[in-house]
Amino acid sequence: MPRKAKPAPAVAEAPALLPWPLVPRRVFFTRGVGRHRDELRSFELALRDAGIEKLNLVHVSSILPPGCKIIPRSEGLKELKPGQIAFCVFSRCSSNEPHRLIAASIGCAIPADPNAYGYLSEYHAYGENEKQAGDKAEDLAASMLASTLGIEFDDELVWDEKKEIWKISGKIVRTMNITQSAIVDNKGYTTVIAAAVFLF
């Protein structure tokens, strides 16, 4: 008598497909600093400080999608799972030179038109404090956005003067940055990071 075939094992339900095309609906900003005798460990500690050490980070370029909502870091971190692939605009700076000032920054420029895209910029520097690096990152993001919106300006102007032009034009509604700076100690490497992490 032929044997009865064993029933096929239950198939786990397929995970929900990502929306296509992949256009982020939300973004949060984070930053961190790490110190260790090994550079890689200092980087990992900076990721921990920023709360994103459990993610597989994919670095992307500089477009903030239309309607992408900026949410608090605490809210964004709650939605992430260990091992998740996360897309981010990312800045990093590392050194083992004692007393060296380092900084990593992400700048953001948001257009007044909700149907237009904005810009994110990544910037890192040696010898610049948090305000200097943050202003530069903000300037970069706003300048890229302004050029796409047809706002005329002198690229040699300082950041405060450019901001006045943006306000008068009415085409750029907001600029901001998140920046991490640190002074390298004499015990090894110091790494600073800043990131804009996208959520779908």
N, C-alpha and C. Protein backbone atom coordinates (compact mmCIF):
# COMPACT_ATOMS: atom_id res chain seq x y z
N MET A 1 0.85 -1.18 0.00
CA MET A 1 0.00 0.00 0.00
C MET A 1 0.89 1.24 0.00
N PRO A 2 0.69 2.16 -0.94
CA PRO A 2 1.56 3.34 -1.01
C PRO A 2 1.41 4.21 0.21
N ARG A 3 2.57 4.76 0.61
CA ARG A 3 2.55 5.66 1.77
C ARG A 3 1.88 6.98 1.40
N LYS A 4 1.20 7.52 2.37
CA LYS A 4 0.59 8.84 2.17
C LYS A 4 1.67 9.90 2.22
N ALA A 5 1.55 10.80 1.30
CA ALA A 5 2.52 11.90 1.28
C ALA A 5 2.33 12.78 2.51
N LYS A 6 3.45 13.18 3.08
CA LYS A 6 3.37 14.07 4.25
C LYS A 6 2.87 15.44 3.81
N PRO A 7 2.03 16.04 4.63
CA PRO A 7 1.56 17.39 4.27
C PRO A 7 2.72 18.37 4.24
N ALA A 8 2.65 19.27 3.31
CA ALA A 8 3.71 20.27 3.19
C ALA A 8 3.72 21.16 4.42
N PRO A 9 4.93 21.51 4.88
CA PRO A 9 4.99 22.38 6.06
C PRO A 9 4.35 23.74 5.77
N ALA A 10 3.79 24.31 6.81
CA ALA A 10 3.14 25.61 6.65
C ALA A 10 4.18 26.65 6.22
N VAL A 11 3.80 27.45 5.28
CA VAL A 11 4.69 28.50 4.78
C VAL A 11 4.43 29.78 5.55
N ALA A 12 5.49 30.33 6.07
CA ALA A 12 5.32 31.59 6.80
C ALA A 12 4.79 32.66 5.87
N GLU A 13 3.96 33.51 6.42
CA GLU A 13 3.39 34.58 5.61
C GLU A 13 4.49 35.50 5.11
N ALA A 14 4.42 35.83 3.84
CA ALA A 14 5.44 36.69 3.24
C ALA A 14 5.39 38.08 3.86
N PRO A 15 6.55 38.68 4.09
CA PRO A 15 6.54 40.03 4.66
C PRO A 15 5.93 41.03 3.70
N ALA A 16 5.38 42.08 4.25
CA ALA A 16 4.78 43.12 3.42
C ALA A 16 5.85 43.72 2.52
N LEU A 17 5.47 43.95 1.29
CA LEU A 17 6.42 44.53 0.34
C LEU A 17 6.62 46.01 0.62
N LEU A 18 7.83 46.47 0.37
CA LEU A 18 8.09 47.90 0.51
C LEU A 18 7.36 48.65 -0.58
N PRO A 19 6.92 49.86 -0.27
CA PRO A 19 6.25 50.66 -1.30
C PRO A 19 7.22 50.95 -2.45
N TRP A 20 6.69 50.96 -3.66
CA TRP A 20 7.53 51.23 -4.81
C TRP A 20 6.92 52.34 -5.64
N PRO A 21 7.65 53.34 -6.04
CA PRO A 21 9.07 53.53 -5.76
C PRO A 21 9.34 53.86 -4.30
N LEU A 22 10.59 53.65 -3.88
CA LEU A 22 10.96 53.87 -2.48
C LEU A 22 11.11 55.37 -2.21
N VAL A 23 10.05 55.98 -1.74
CA VAL A 23 10.09 57.40 -1.41
C VAL A 23 9.79 57.54 0.09
N PRO A 24 10.77 57.97 0.87
CA PRO A 24 10.56 58.09 2.32
C PRO A 24 9.44 59.07 2.64
N ARG A 25 8.68 58.74 3.67
CA ARG A 25 7.59 59.61 4.12
C ARG A 25 7.98 60.40 5.38
N ARG A 26 9.01 59.89 6.09
CA ARG A 26 9.43 60.54 7.33
C ARG A 26 10.96 60.49 7.44
N VAL A 27 11.50 61.38 8.25
CA VAL A 27 12.94 61.41 8.49
C VAL A 27 13.19 61.90 9.90
N PHE A 28 14.23 61.37 10.54
CA PHE A 28 14.65 61.92 11.83
C PHE A 28 16.16 62.14 11.81
N PHE A 29 16.59 63.05 12.67
CA PHE A 29 18.01 63.43 12.73
C PHE A 29 18.61 62.94 14.04
N THR A 30 19.87 62.51 13.95
CA THR A 30 20.55 62.03 15.14
C THR A 30 22.05 62.31 15.02
N ARG A 31 22.75 62.22 16.13
CA ARG A 31 24.18 62.48 16.15
C ARG A 31 24.82 61.70 17.29
N GLY A 32 26.16 61.55 17.26
CA GLY A 32 26.82 60.82 18.33
C GLY A 32 28.33 61.00 18.28
N VAL A 33 28.96 60.62 19.39
CA VAL A 33 30.42 60.68 19.49
C VAL A 33 30.90 59.40 20.18
N GLY A 34 32.05 58.87 19.73
CA GLY A 34 32.62 57.68 20.33
C GLY A 34 34.13 57.81 20.47
N ARG A 35 34.67 57.21 21.52
CA ARG A 35 36.11 57.26 21.78
C ARG A 35 36.61 55.86 22.11
N HIS A 36 37.72 55.47 21.45
CA HIS A 36 38.31 54.15 21.71
C HIS A 36 39.71 54.13 21.10
N ARG A 37 40.55 53.21 21.57
CA ARG A 37 41.91 53.13 21.02
C ARG A 37 41.90 52.64 19.57
N ASP A 38 40.83 51.91 19.18
CA ASP A 38 40.70 51.44 17.80
C ASP A 38 39.67 52.31 17.06
N GLU A 39 40.00 52.69 15.84
CA GLU A 39 39.10 53.58 15.10
C GLU A 39 37.73 52.96 14.85
N LEU A 40 37.71 51.68 14.46
CA LEU A 40 36.43 51.04 14.18
C LEU A 40 35.54 51.01 15.42
N ARG A 41 36.15 50.73 16.58
CA ARG A 41 35.36 50.71 17.82
C ARG A 41 34.86 52.10 18.18
N SER A 42 35.66 53.12 17.91
CA SER A 42 35.20 54.48 18.20
C SER A 42 34.00 54.82 17.30
N PHE A 43 34.02 54.34 16.06
CA PHE A 43 32.90 54.55 15.15
C PHE A 43 31.65 53.84 15.67
N GLU A 44 31.82 52.60 16.11
CA GLU A 44 30.68 51.84 16.62
C GLU A 44 30.09 52.50 17.86
N LEU A 45 30.94 53.05 18.71
CA LEU A 45 30.47 53.73 19.91
C LEU A 45 29.74 55.03 19.56
N ALA A 46 30.17 55.68 18.48
CA ALA A 46 29.45 56.87 18.01
C ALA A 46 28.06 56.49 17.50
N LEU A 47 27.98 55.36 16.80
CA LEU A 47 26.69 54.86 16.34
C LEU A 47 25.78 54.55 17.53
N ARG A 48 26.35 53.95 18.57
CA ARG A 48 25.57 53.67 19.78
C ARG A 48 25.04 54.96 20.40
N ASP A 49 25.91 55.94 20.48
CA ASP A 49 25.52 57.22 21.06
C ASP A 49 24.36 57.84 20.27
N ALA A 50 24.37 57.61 18.96
CA ALA A 50 23.31 58.14 18.10
C ALA A 50 22.07 57.25 18.09
N GLY A 51 22.18 56.03 18.65
CA GLY A 51 21.04 55.13 18.72
C GLY A 51 20.81 54.30 17.47
N ILE A 52 21.79 54.25 16.55
CA ILE A 52 21.58 53.54 15.28
C ILE A 52 22.61 52.44 15.05
N GLU A 53 23.19 51.92 16.13
CA GLU A 53 24.25 50.92 16.00
C GLU A 53 23.74 49.55 15.54
N LYS A 54 22.43 49.29 15.69
CA LYS A 54 21.89 47.96 15.35
C LYS A 54 21.39 47.89 13.91
N LEU A 55 21.61 48.94 13.16
CA LEU A 55 21.09 49.00 11.79
C LEU A 55 22.17 48.71 10.76
N ASN A 56 21.75 48.25 9.59
CA ASN A 56 22.61 48.17 8.42
C ASN A 56 22.37 49.43 7.61
N LEU A 57 23.30 50.37 7.69
CA LEU A 57 23.10 51.69 7.12
C LEU A 57 23.50 51.73 5.65
N VAL A 58 22.62 52.29 4.84
CA VAL A 58 22.89 52.50 3.42
C VAL A 58 22.94 54.01 3.21
N HIS A 59 24.09 54.51 2.77
CA HIS A 59 24.25 55.95 2.58
C HIS A 59 23.65 56.37 1.24
N VAL A 60 22.80 57.38 1.30
CA VAL A 60 22.19 57.92 0.08
C VAL A 60 22.53 59.40 -0.03
N SER A 61 22.16 59.98 -1.16
CA SER A 61 22.53 61.38 -1.38
C SER A 61 21.46 62.33 -0.85
N SER A 62 21.32 63.47 -1.47
CA SER A 62 20.89 64.65 -0.74
C SER A 62 19.48 65.18 -0.94
N ILE A 63 18.54 64.35 -1.37
CA ILE A 63 17.19 64.88 -1.63
C ILE A 63 16.23 64.56 -0.49
N LEU A 64 15.54 65.60 -0.01
CA LEU A 64 14.46 65.45 0.96
C LEU A 64 13.16 65.41 0.15
N PRO A 65 12.46 64.27 0.11
CA PRO A 65 11.29 64.15 -0.75
C PRO A 65 10.18 65.15 -0.40
N PRO A 66 9.35 65.52 -1.35
CA PRO A 66 8.22 66.40 -1.05
C PRO A 66 7.33 65.78 0.02
N GLY A 67 6.93 66.57 1.00
CA GLY A 67 6.02 66.08 2.03
C GLY A 67 6.65 65.17 3.06
N CYS A 68 7.96 64.98 3.01
CA CYS A 68 8.63 64.11 3.99
C CYS A 68 8.61 64.81 5.36
N LYS A 69 8.01 64.16 6.33
CA LYS A 69 7.81 64.77 7.65
C LYS A 69 9.03 64.55 8.55
N ILE A 70 9.48 65.61 9.19
CA ILE A 70 10.56 65.49 10.17
C ILE A 70 9.95 65.12 11.51
N ILE A 71 10.41 64.01 12.08
CA ILE A 71 9.87 63.54 13.35
C ILE A 71 10.98 63.52 14.40
N PRO A 72 10.62 63.50 15.71
CA PRO A 72 11.65 63.46 16.76
C PRO A 72 12.47 62.17 16.69
N ARG A 73 13.71 62.27 17.12
CA ARG A 73 14.59 61.09 17.14
C ARG A 73 13.97 59.95 17.94
N SER A 74 13.40 60.27 19.11
CA SER A 74 12.83 59.23 19.97
C SER A 74 11.72 58.46 19.26
N GLU A 75 10.94 59.16 18.47
CA GLU A 75 9.85 58.52 17.73
C GLU A 75 10.40 57.65 16.61
N GLY A 76 11.41 58.15 15.91
CA GLY A 76 11.99 57.39 14.81
C GLY A 76 12.68 56.12 15.27
N LEU A 77 13.41 56.20 16.37
CA LEU A 77 14.16 55.04 16.87
C LEU A 77 13.22 53.90 17.26
N LYS A 78 12.02 54.23 17.72
CA LYS A 78 11.06 53.19 18.13
C LYS A 78 10.64 52.30 16.97
N GLU A 79 10.74 52.79 15.76
CA GLU A 79 10.25 52.05 14.60
C GLU A 79 11.32 51.17 13.96
N LEU A 80 12.53 51.26 14.44
CA LEU A 80 13.63 50.52 13.83
C LEU A 80 13.89 49.20 14.55
N LYS A 81 14.27 48.18 13.77
CA LYS A 81 14.51 46.84 14.32
C LYS A 81 15.96 46.43 14.07
N PRO A 82 16.54 45.64 14.98
CA PRO A 82 17.92 45.19 14.80
C PRO A 82 18.11 44.49 13.45
N GLY A 83 19.16 44.87 12.75
CA GLY A 83 19.45 44.27 11.46
C GLY A 83 18.74 44.92 10.29
N GLN A 84 17.85 45.86 10.57
CA GLN A 84 17.10 46.52 9.50
C GLN A 84 18.03 47.32 8.59
N ILE A 85 17.74 47.28 7.29
CA ILE A 85 18.46 48.14 6.35
C ILE A 85 17.82 49.51 6.42
N ALA A 86 18.61 50.51 6.72
CA ALA A 86 18.09 51.87 6.87
C ALA A 86 18.85 52.81 5.94
N PHE A 87 18.11 53.60 5.21
CA PHE A 87 18.70 54.57 4.29
C PHE A 87 18.92 55.89 5.02
N CYS A 88 20.09 56.48 4.83
CA CYS A 88 20.38 57.71 5.56
C CYS A 88 21.37 58.59 4.80
N VAL A 89 21.27 59.89 5.05
CA VAL A 89 22.31 60.83 4.65
C VAL A 89 23.23 60.92 5.85
N PHE A 90 24.53 60.69 5.65
CA PHE A 90 25.42 60.40 6.77
C PHE A 90 26.72 61.20 6.67
N SER A 91 27.15 61.74 7.79
CA SER A 91 28.43 62.46 7.86
C SER A 91 29.26 61.88 9.00
N ARG A 92 30.57 61.77 8.76
CA ARG A 92 31.46 61.15 9.75
C ARG A 92 32.82 61.82 9.72
N CYS A 93 33.42 61.98 10.89
CA CYS A 93 34.77 62.52 10.98
C CYS A 93 35.49 61.83 12.13
N SER A 94 36.75 61.45 11.90
CA SER A 94 37.49 60.71 12.91
C SER A 94 38.95 61.16 12.93
N SER A 95 39.56 61.12 14.12
CA SER A 95 40.98 61.48 14.24
C SER A 95 41.55 60.87 15.52
N ASN A 96 42.86 60.64 15.50
CA ASN A 96 43.57 60.23 16.73
C ASN A 96 44.63 61.25 17.11
N GLU A 97 44.52 62.46 16.54
CA GLU A 97 45.46 63.53 16.85
C GLU A 97 44.98 64.28 18.10
N PRO A 98 45.69 64.15 19.22
CA PRO A 98 45.23 64.77 20.47
C PRO A 98 44.96 66.27 20.30
N HIS A 99 43.88 66.70 20.93
CA HIS A 99 43.45 68.11 20.98
C HIS A 99 42.90 68.63 19.65
N ARG A 100 42.75 67.76 18.67
CA ARG A 100 42.17 68.17 17.37
C ARG A 100 40.66 68.34 17.53
N LEU A 101 40.13 69.42 17.00
CA LEU A 101 38.69 69.67 17.01
C LEU A 101 38.10 69.11 15.72
N ILE A 102 37.10 68.24 15.85
CA ILE A 102 36.48 67.62 14.68
C ILE A 102 34.97 67.82 14.75
N ALA A 103 34.32 67.77 13.59
CA ALA A 103 32.87 67.98 13.55
C ALA A 103 32.26 67.24 12.36
N ALA A 104 31.03 66.76 12.55
CA ALA A 104 30.25 66.14 11.48
C ALA A 104 28.86 66.76 11.53
N SER A 105 28.31 67.09 10.36
CA SER A 105 27.04 67.82 10.34
C SER A 105 26.18 67.41 9.15
N ILE A 106 24.87 67.48 9.36
CA ILE A 106 23.88 67.34 8.29
C ILE A 106 23.07 68.63 8.25
N GLY A 107 23.02 69.25 7.08
CA GLY A 107 22.20 70.45 6.89
C GLY A 107 20.92 70.09 6.17
N CYS A 108 19.88 70.89 6.38
CA CYS A 108 18.59 70.63 5.77
C CYS A 108 17.96 71.94 5.30
N ALA A 109 17.41 71.95 4.09
CA ALA A 109 16.71 73.11 3.56
C ALA A 109 15.37 72.65 3.00
N ILE A 110 14.30 73.29 3.48
CA ILE A 110 12.94 72.88 3.13
C ILE A 110 12.26 73.98 2.32
N PRO A 111 11.72 73.65 1.14
CA PRO A 111 11.07 74.68 0.32
C PRO A 111 9.69 75.05 0.85
N ALA A 112 9.25 76.24 0.51
CA ALA A 112 7.92 76.68 0.92
C ALA A 112 6.83 75.89 0.20
N ASP A 113 7.09 75.52 -1.04
CA ASP A 113 6.12 74.75 -1.83
C ASP A 113 6.10 73.30 -1.34
N PRO A 114 4.97 72.81 -0.79
CA PRO A 114 4.94 71.44 -0.27
C PRO A 114 5.10 70.36 -1.34
N ASN A 115 4.95 70.73 -2.59
CA ASN A 115 5.10 69.77 -3.68
C ASN A 115 6.52 69.74 -4.24
N ALA A 116 7.40 70.58 -3.70
CA ALA A 116 8.78 70.63 -4.16
C ALA A 116 9.68 69.84 -3.20
N TYR A 117 10.81 69.38 -3.70
CA TYR A 117 11.73 68.63 -2.85
C TYR A 117 12.74 69.58 -2.21
N GLY A 118 13.27 69.14 -1.08
CA GLY A 118 14.29 69.91 -0.38
C GLY A 118 15.65 69.24 -0.52
N TYR A 119 16.60 69.76 0.25
CA TYR A 119 17.97 69.22 0.18
C TYR A 119 18.51 68.90 1.57
N LEU A 120 19.31 67.85 1.61
CA LEU A 120 20.09 67.49 2.79
C LEU A 120 21.56 67.51 2.37
N SER A 121 22.40 68.05 3.21
CA SER A 121 23.83 68.09 2.89
C SER A 121 24.62 67.41 4.00
N GLU A 122 25.70 66.74 3.62
CA GLU A 122 26.60 66.17 4.62
C GLU A 122 27.91 66.93 4.59
N TYR A 123 28.43 67.22 5.78
CA TYR A 123 29.65 68.03 5.87
C TYR A 123 30.44 67.59 7.10
N HIS A 124 31.76 67.48 6.93
CA HIS A 124 32.62 67.21 8.09
C HIS A 124 33.83 68.12 8.00
N ALA A 125 34.44 68.40 9.15
CA ALA A 125 35.53 69.38 9.16
C ALA A 125 36.46 69.14 10.34
N TYR A 126 37.69 69.61 10.15
CA TYR A 126 38.68 69.67 11.23
C TYR A 126 38.89 71.13 11.60
N GLY A 127 38.95 71.42 12.88
CA GLY A 127 39.22 72.78 13.33
C GLY A 127 38.00 73.69 13.33
N GLU A 128 36.81 73.13 13.18
CA GLU A 128 35.58 73.92 13.23
C GLU A 128 34.72 73.45 14.40
N ASN A 129 34.13 74.42 15.11
CA ASN A 129 33.26 74.05 16.22
C ASN A 129 31.86 73.71 15.70
N GLU A 130 30.96 73.41 16.63
CA GLU A 130 29.63 72.95 16.26
C GLU A 130 28.86 74.00 15.45
N LYS A 131 28.95 75.25 15.85
CA LYS A 131 28.22 76.31 15.14
C LYS A 131 28.79 76.53 13.75
N GLN A 132 30.12 76.56 13.63
CA GLN A 132 30.74 76.79 12.33
C GLN A 132 30.39 75.67 11.34
N ALA A 133 30.53 74.43 11.80
CA ALA A 133 30.22 73.30 10.92
C ALA A 133 28.73 73.24 10.60
N GLY A 134 27.88 73.53 11.59
CA GLY A 134 26.44 73.52 11.36
C GLY A 134 26.01 74.58 10.38
N ASP A 135 26.57 75.78 10.52
CA ASP A 135 26.24 76.85 9.58
C ASP A 135 26.67 76.49 8.16
N LYS A 136 27.83 75.86 8.03
CA LYS A 136 28.32 75.48 6.70
C LYS A 136 27.41 74.42 6.07
N ALA A 137 27.00 73.43 6.85
CA ALA A 137 26.12 72.38 6.33
C ALA A 137 24.78 72.97 5.91
N GLU A 138 24.25 73.88 6.73
CA GLU A 138 22.99 74.55 6.41
C GLU A 138 23.13 75.38 5.13
N ASP A 139 24.23 76.08 5.03
CA ASP A 139 24.52 76.90 3.85
C ASP A 139 24.56 76.03 2.59
N LEU A 140 25.22 74.89 2.67
CA LEU A 140 25.31 74.00 1.51
C LEU A 140 23.94 73.53 1.07
N ALA A 141 23.12 73.08 2.04
CA ALA A 141 21.78 72.60 1.70
C ALA A 141 20.93 73.70 1.09
N ALA A 142 20.96 74.89 1.72
CA ALA A 142 20.16 76.02 1.22
C ALA A 142 20.63 76.49 -0.14
N SER A 143 21.94 76.50 -0.37
CA SER A 143 22.48 76.94 -1.66
C SER A 143 22.06 75.99 -2.78
N MET A 144 22.09 74.68 -2.51
CA MET A 144 21.67 73.71 -3.52
C MET A 144 20.19 73.88 -3.83
N LEU A 145 19.37 74.08 -2.79
CA LEU A 145 17.95 74.28 -3.00
C LEU A 145 17.68 75.59 -3.76
N ALA A 146 18.37 76.64 -3.34
CA ALA A 146 18.17 77.94 -4.00
C ALA A 146 18.49 77.88 -5.49
N SER A 147 19.54 77.16 -5.84
CA SER A 147 19.93 77.09 -7.25
C SER A 147 18.87 76.37 -8.07
N THR A 148 18.20 75.37 -7.49
CA THR A 148 17.14 74.66 -8.23
C THR A 148 15.87 75.49 -8.31
N LEU A 149 15.68 76.41 -7.37
CA LEU A 149 14.47 77.25 -7.36
C LEU A 149 14.65 78.54 -8.14
N GLY A 150 15.86 78.75 -8.66
CA GLY A 150 16.11 79.94 -9.46
C GLY A 150 16.30 81.21 -8.65
N ILE A 151 16.68 81.06 -7.38
CA ILE A 151 16.95 82.24 -6.54
C ILE A 151 18.37 82.72 -6.84
N GLU A 152 18.50 83.96 -7.23
CA GLU A 152 19.82 84.50 -7.54
C GLU A 152 20.49 85.00 -6.27
N PHE A 153 21.77 84.66 -6.13
CA PHE A 153 22.53 85.09 -4.96
C PHE A 153 24.02 85.04 -5.28
N ASP A 154 24.77 85.75 -4.50
CA ASP A 154 26.22 85.76 -4.64
C ASP A 154 26.78 84.66 -3.74
N ASP A 155 27.43 83.68 -4.33
CA ASP A 155 27.93 82.54 -3.55
C ASP A 155 29.02 82.95 -2.57
N GLU A 156 29.57 84.14 -2.73
CA GLU A 156 30.63 84.60 -1.83
C GLU A 156 30.08 85.25 -0.56
N LEU A 157 28.77 85.46 -0.50
CA LEU A 157 28.17 86.05 0.70
C LEU A 157 28.31 85.12 1.89
N VAL A 158 28.39 85.67 3.10
CA VAL A 158 28.42 84.85 4.30
C VAL A 158 27.02 84.30 4.54
N TRP A 159 26.95 83.27 5.38
CA TRP A 159 25.70 82.55 5.59
C TRP A 159 24.57 83.45 6.08
N ASP A 160 24.82 84.35 7.02
CA ASP A 160 23.76 85.23 7.53
C ASP A 160 23.16 86.11 6.44
N GLU A 161 24.00 86.58 5.52
CA GLU A 161 23.50 87.40 4.41
C GLU A 161 22.66 86.58 3.44
N LYS A 162 23.09 85.35 3.21
CA LYS A 162 22.32 84.47 2.33
C LYS A 162 20.94 84.17 2.93
N LYS A 163 20.91 83.96 4.26
CA LYS A 163 19.63 83.66 4.91
C LYS A 163 18.61 84.76 4.69
N GLU A 164 19.08 85.99 4.69
CA GLU A 164 18.17 87.11 4.46
C GLU A 164 17.60 87.06 3.04
N ILE A 165 18.43 86.67 2.08
CA ILE A 165 17.95 86.55 0.70
C ILE A 165 16.90 85.44 0.60
N TRP A 166 17.16 84.30 1.27
CA TRP A 166 16.20 83.19 1.24
C TRP A 166 14.84 83.66 1.80
N LYS A 167 14.89 84.38 2.93
CA LYS A 167 13.65 84.84 3.58
C LYS A 167 12.88 85.79 2.67
N ILE A 168 13.62 86.72 2.06
CA ILE A 168 12.97 87.70 1.19
C ILE A 168 12.33 87.01 -0.02
N SER A 169 12.97 85.99 -0.54
CA SER A 169 12.44 85.29 -1.72
C SER A 169 11.13 84.59 -1.42
N GLY A 170 10.96 84.14 -0.17
CA GLY A 170 9.75 83.42 0.21
C GLY A 170 9.69 82.00 -0.31
N LYS A 171 10.77 81.52 -0.94
CA LYS A 171 10.76 80.18 -1.54
C LYS A 171 11.36 79.10 -0.65
N ILE A 172 12.13 79.53 0.36
CA ILE A 172 12.71 78.57 1.30
C ILE A 172 12.10 78.86 2.67
N VAL A 173 11.38 77.89 3.21
CA VAL A 173 10.63 78.13 4.43
C VAL A 173 11.44 77.86 5.70
N ARG A 174 12.42 76.95 5.61
CA ARG A 174 13.15 76.58 6.82
C ARG A 174 14.50 75.96 6.49
N THR A 175 15.50 76.30 7.29
CA THR A 175 16.79 75.60 7.23
C THR A 175 17.15 75.18 8.66
N MET A 176 17.90 74.09 8.75
CA MET A 176 18.30 73.59 10.06
C MET A 176 19.53 72.71 9.89
N ASN A 177 20.12 72.31 11.00
CA ASN A 177 21.24 71.37 10.95
C ASN A 177 21.28 70.56 12.24
N ILE A 178 21.94 69.43 12.15
CA ILE A 178 22.29 68.68 13.36
C ILE A 178 23.78 68.41 13.26
N THR A 179 24.50 68.73 14.33
CA THR A 179 25.97 68.71 14.28
C THR A 179 26.52 68.12 15.57
N GLN A 180 27.57 67.31 15.41
CA GLN A 180 28.30 66.79 16.56
C GLN A 180 29.77 67.18 16.43
N SER A 181 30.29 67.84 17.45
CA SER A 181 31.71 68.17 17.47
C SER A 181 32.35 67.56 18.70
N ALA A 182 33.66 67.44 18.68
CA ALA A 182 34.39 66.90 19.83
C ALA A 182 35.86 67.25 19.70
N ILE A 183 36.53 67.26 20.84
CA ILE A 183 37.99 67.43 20.86
C ILE A 183 38.60 66.07 21.12
N VAL A 184 39.53 65.68 20.27
CA VAL A 184 40.16 64.36 20.36
C VAL A 184 41.00 64.28 21.64
N ASP A 185 40.84 63.19 22.41
CA ASP A 185 41.66 63.02 23.61
C ASP A 185 42.97 62.32 23.25
N ASN A 186 43.75 61.97 24.25
CA ASN A 186 45.06 61.35 23.99
C ASN A 186 45.05 59.85 24.24
N LYS A 187 43.87 59.23 24.18
CA LYS A 187 43.76 57.80 24.47
C LYS A 187 43.45 56.96 23.23
N GLY A 188 43.41 57.60 22.06
CA GLY A 188 43.09 56.84 20.85
C GLY A 188 42.29 57.68 19.88
N TYR A 189 41.31 57.04 19.26
CA TYR A 189 40.50 57.70 18.23
C TYR A 189 39.22 58.30 18.82
N THR A 190 38.82 59.40 18.24
CA THR A 190 37.52 59.99 18.49
C THR A 190 36.80 60.09 17.16
N THR A 191 35.55 59.64 17.14
CA THR A 191 34.72 59.70 15.93
C THR A 191 33.44 60.44 16.24
N VAL A 192 33.06 61.36 15.37
CA VAL A 192 31.77 62.04 15.47
C VAL A 192 30.95 61.72 14.23
N ILE A 193 29.63 61.60 14.41
CA ILE A 193 28.73 61.32 13.29
C ILE A 193 27.48 62.18 13.39
N ALA A 194 26.85 62.39 12.27
CA ALA A 194 25.53 63.01 12.20
C ALA A 194 24.79 62.33 11.07
N ALA A 195 23.47 62.15 11.22
CA ALA A 195 22.72 61.41 10.22
C ALA A 195 21.28 61.88 10.13
N ALA A 196 20.74 61.79 8.93
CA ALA A 196 19.31 61.94 8.69
C ALA A 196 18.84 60.56 8.24
N VAL A 197 17.99 59.92 9.04
CA VAL A 197 17.57 58.54 8.79
C VAL A 197 16.14 58.54 8.25
N PHE A 198 15.95 57.90 7.09
CA PHE A 198 14.65 57.89 6.42
C PHE A 198 13.79 56.71 6.91
N LEU A 199 12.50 56.96 6.95
CA LEU A 199 11.52 55.92 7.26
C LEU A 199 10.45 55.91 6.18
N PHE A 200 9.91 54.72 5.92
CA PHE A 200 8.91 54.57 4.83
C PHE A 200 7.51 54.39 5.40
